[in-house]
């Protein structure tokens, strides 16, 4: 991983520290997430749509979502957390919020 020296305004840094604490994440993860979201927005890339296009996502979760909804009426958070961890273990680097939204849209 490359390291860069960034010049960050003091007021932005303080806001970033507050947000990182609120979200219980490191500053590095927060800055990476912010940069990734900015780049995706500039390039017109929707991360949720990218997840929905992934054949592995459909293979793993299409039937499971149907069964979870049939059994529970929805996909419970603990099951969604497990699915997210499985998807990440398969080498997919996506945010939890994008994954959750993709699961909600799956099959619609």
C-alpha atoms as a PDB file:
ATOM      1  CA  UNK A   1       0.000   0.000   0.000  1.00  0.00           C
ATOM      2  CA  UNK A   2       1.365   3.382  -0.937  1.00  0.00           C
ATOM      3  CA  UNK A   3       1.532   6.111   1.659  1.00  0.00           C
ATOM      4  CA  UNK A   4       0.989   9.752   0.884  1.00  0.00           C
ATOM      5  CA  UNK A   5       1.544  12.923   2.844  1.00  0.00           C
ATOM      6  CA  UNK A   6      -1.693  14.847   2.753  1.00  0.00           C
ATOM      7  CA  UNK A   7      -2.172  18.444   3.748  1.00  0.00           C
ATOM      8  CA  UNK A   8      -5.511  18.634   5.521  1.00  0.00           C
ATOM      9  CA  UNK A   9      -6.982  21.838   6.910  1.00  0.00           C
ATOM     10  CA  UNK A  10      -7.243  21.824  10.700  1.00  0.00           C
ATOM     11  CA  UNK A  11     -11.021  22.335  10.718  1.00  0.00           C
ATOM     12  CA  UNK A  12     -11.531  19.445   8.269  1.00  0.00           C
ATOM     13  CA  UNK A  13      -9.276  17.222  10.366  1.00  0.00           C
ATOM     14  CA  UNK A  14     -11.260  17.990  13.521  1.00  0.00           C
ATOM     15  CA  UNK A  15     -14.536  17.231  11.742  1.00  0.00           C
ATOM     16  CA  UNK A  16     -13.041  14.002  10.401  1.00  0.00           C
ATOM     17  CA  UNK A  17     -11.980  12.942  13.900  1.00  0.00           C
ATOM     18  CA  UNK A  18     -15.536  13.545  15.153  1.00  0.00           C
ATOM     19  CA  UNK A  19     -17.095  11.561  12.296  1.00  0.00           C
ATOM     20  CA  UNK A  20     -14.599   8.708  12.701  1.00  0.00           C
ATOM     21  CA  UNK A  21     -15.362   8.477  16.412  1.00  0.00           C
ATOM     22  CA  UNK A  22     -19.100   8.577  15.774  1.00  0.00           C
ATOM     23  CA  UNK A  23     -18.844   5.794  13.176  1.00  0.00           C
ATOM     24  CA  UNK A  24     -16.269   3.889  15.248  1.00  0.00           C
ATOM     25  CA  UNK A  25     -13.740   3.714  12.434  1.00  0.00           C
ATOM     26  CA  UNK A  26     -10.147   4.795  11.984  1.00  0.00           C
ATOM     27  CA  UNK A  27      -9.279   8.057  10.265  1.00  0.00           C
ATOM     28  CA  UNK A  28      -7.579   6.086   7.496  1.00  0.00           C
ATOM     29  CA  UNK A  29     -10.741   4.121   6.752  1.00  0.00           C
ATOM     30  CA  UNK A  30     -12.817   7.291   6.870  1.00  0.00           C
ATOM     31  CA  UNK A  31     -10.536   9.115   4.431  1.00  0.00           C
ATOM     32  CA  UNK A  32     -10.393   6.082   2.107  1.00  0.00           C
ATOM     33  CA  UNK A  33     -14.188   5.831   2.147  1.00  0.00           C
ATOM     34  CA  UNK A  34     -14.591   9.555   1.456  1.00  0.00           C
ATOM     35  CA  UNK A  35     -12.115   9.465  -1.422  1.00  0.00           C
ATOM     36  CA  UNK A  36     -13.694   6.318  -2.889  1.00  0.00           C
ATOM     37  CA  UNK A  37     -17.192   7.821  -2.720  1.00  0.00           C
ATOM     38  CA  UNK A  38     -15.978  11.048  -4.330  1.00  0.00           C
ATOM     39  CA  UNK A  39     -14.225   9.198  -7.166  1.00  0.00           C
ATOM     40  CA  UNK A  40     -17.236   6.936  -7.767  1.00  0.00           C
ATOM     41  CA  UNK A  41     -19.516   9.964  -7.900  1.00  0.00           C
ATOM     42  CA  UNK A  42     -17.193  11.795 -10.325  1.00  0.00           C
ATOM     43  CA  UNK A  43     -16.968   8.718 -12.576  1.00  0.00           C
ATOM     44  CA  UNK A  44     -20.696   8.055 -12.360  1.00  0.00           C
ATOM     45  CA  UNK A  45     -20.193   4.655 -10.703  1.00  0.00           C
ATOM     46  CA  UNK A  46     -22.956   3.419  -8.404  1.00  0.00           C
ATOM     47  CA  UNK A  47     -21.440   0.854  -5.992  1.00  0.00           C
ATOM     48  CA  UNK A  48     -24.846  -0.716  -5.310  1.00  0.00           C
ATOM     49  CA  UNK A  49     -25.411  -1.335  -9.022  1.00  0.00           C
ATOM     50  CA  UNK A  50     -21.899  -2.806  -9.276  1.00  0.00           C
ATOM     51  CA  UNK A  51     -22.795  -5.286  -6.513  1.00  0.00           C
ATOM     52  CA  UNK A  52     -26.083  -6.144  -8.231  1.00  0.00           C
ATOM     53  CA  UNK A  53     -24.184  -6.875 -11.483  1.00  0.00           C
ATOM     54  CA  UNK A  54     -21.876  -9.351  -9.710  1.00  0.00           C
ATOM     55  CA  UNK A  55     -22.846 -12.957 -10.617  1.00  0.00           C
ATOM     56  CA  UNK A  56     -21.395 -14.221  -7.316  1.00  0.00           C
ATOM     57  CA  UNK A  57     -23.761 -11.944  -5.395  1.00  0.00           C
ATOM     58  CA  UNK A  58     -26.772 -13.468  -7.156  1.00  0.00           C
ATOM     59  CA  UNK A  59     -25.429 -17.005  -6.814  1.00  0.00           C
ATOM     60  CA  UNK A  60     -24.910 -16.646  -3.078  1.00  0.00           C
ATOM     61  CA  UNK A  61     -27.901 -14.617  -1.973  1.00  0.00           C
ATOM     62  CA  UNK A  62     -30.891 -14.854  -4.347  1.00  0.00           C
ATOM     63  CA  UNK A  63     -32.319 -18.065  -2.906  1.00  0.00           C
ATOM     64  CA  UNK A  64     -31.155 -17.279   0.621  1.00  0.00           C
ATOM     65  CA  UNK A  65     -33.034 -13.982   0.591  1.00  0.00           C
ATOM     66  CA  UNK A  66     -36.245 -15.742  -0.507  1.00  0.00           C
ATOM     67  CA  UNK A  67     -35.872 -18.309   2.285  1.00  0.00           C
ATOM     68  CA  UNK A  68     -35.093 -15.666   4.921  1.00  0.00           C
ATOM     69  CA  UNK A  69     -38.132 -13.604   3.939  1.00  0.00           C
ATOM     70  CA  UNK A  70     -40.347 -16.702   3.892  1.00  0.00           C
ATOM     71  CA  UNK A  71     -39.147 -17.728   7.353  1.00  0.00           C
ATOM     72  CA  UNK A  72     -38.684 -14.340   9.093  1.00  0.00           C
ATOM     73  CA  UNK A  73     -40.704 -11.938   6.935  1.00  0.00           C
ATOM     74  CA  UNK A  74     -37.494  -9.977   6.293  1.00  0.00           C
ATOM     75  CA  UNK A  75     -33.733 -10.474   6.335  1.00  0.00           C
ATOM     76  CA  UNK A  76     -32.718 -10.114  10.006  1.00  0.00           C
ATOM     77  CA  UNK A  77     -29.638  -8.032  10.786  1.00  0.00           C
ATOM     78  CA  UNK A  78     -27.634 -10.962  12.175  1.00  0.00           C
ATOM     79  CA  UNK A  79     -28.183 -12.883   8.931  1.00  0.00           C
ATOM     80  CA  UNK A  80     -27.318  -9.847   6.823  1.00  0.00           C
ATOM     81  CA  UNK A  81     -24.121  -9.427   8.862  1.00  0.00           C
ATOM     82  CA  UNK A  82     -23.177 -13.051   8.173  1.00  0.00           C
ATOM     83  CA  UNK A  83     -23.881 -12.687   4.447  1.00  0.00           C
ATOM     84  CA  UNK A  84     -21.782  -9.530   4.337  1.00  0.00           C
ATOM     85  CA  UNK A  85     -18.859 -11.332   5.975  1.00  0.00           C
ATOM     86  CA  UNK A  86     -19.171 -14.222   3.490  1.00  0.00           C
ATOM     87  CA  UNK A  87     -19.212 -11.801   0.551  1.00  0.00           C
ATOM     88  CA  UNK A  88     -16.125 -10.015   1.893  1.00  0.00           C
ATOM     89  CA  UNK A  89     -14.345 -13.351   2.404  1.00  0.00           C
ATOM     90  CA  UNK A  90     -14.934 -14.043  -1.292  1.00  0.00           C
ATOM     91  CA  UNK A  91     -12.721 -11.048  -2.046  1.00  0.00           C
ATOM     92  CA  UNK A  92     -15.373  -8.395  -2.574  1.00  0.00           C
ATOM     93  CA  UNK A  93     -14.413  -5.092  -0.966  1.00  0.00           C
ATOM     94  CA  UNK A  94     -17.726  -3.270  -0.531  1.00  0.00           C
ATOM     95  CA  UNK A  95     -19.209  -1.155   2.230  1.00  0.00           C
ATOM     96  CA  UNK A  96     -21.828  -2.628   4.527  1.00  0.00           C
ATOM     97  CA  UNK A  97     -24.355   0.070   3.593  1.00  0.00           C
ATOM     98  CA  UNK A  98     -23.944  -0.607  -0.142  1.00  0.00           C
ATOM     99  CA  UNK A  99     -24.242  -4.353   0.472  1.00  0.00           C
ATOM    100  CA  UNK A 100     -27.379  -3.907   2.588  1.00  0.00           C
ATOM    101  CA  UNK A 101     -28.982  -1.735  -0.089  1.00  0.00           C
ATOM    102  CA  UNK A 102     -28.090  -4.279  -2.792  1.00  0.00           C
ATOM    103  CA  UNK A 103     -29.717  -7.073  -0.755  1.00  0.00           C
ATOM    104  CA  UNK A 104     -32.848  -4.932  -0.391  1.00  0.00           C
ATOM    105  CA  UNK A 105     -32.968  -4.420  -4.179  1.00  0.00           C
ATOM    106  CA  UNK A 106     -32.152  -8.059  -5.012  1.00  0.00           C
ATOM    107  CA  UNK A 107     -35.046  -9.713  -6.818  1.00  0.00           C
ATOM    108  CA  UNK A 108     -37.000  -6.518  -7.456  1.00  0.00           C
END
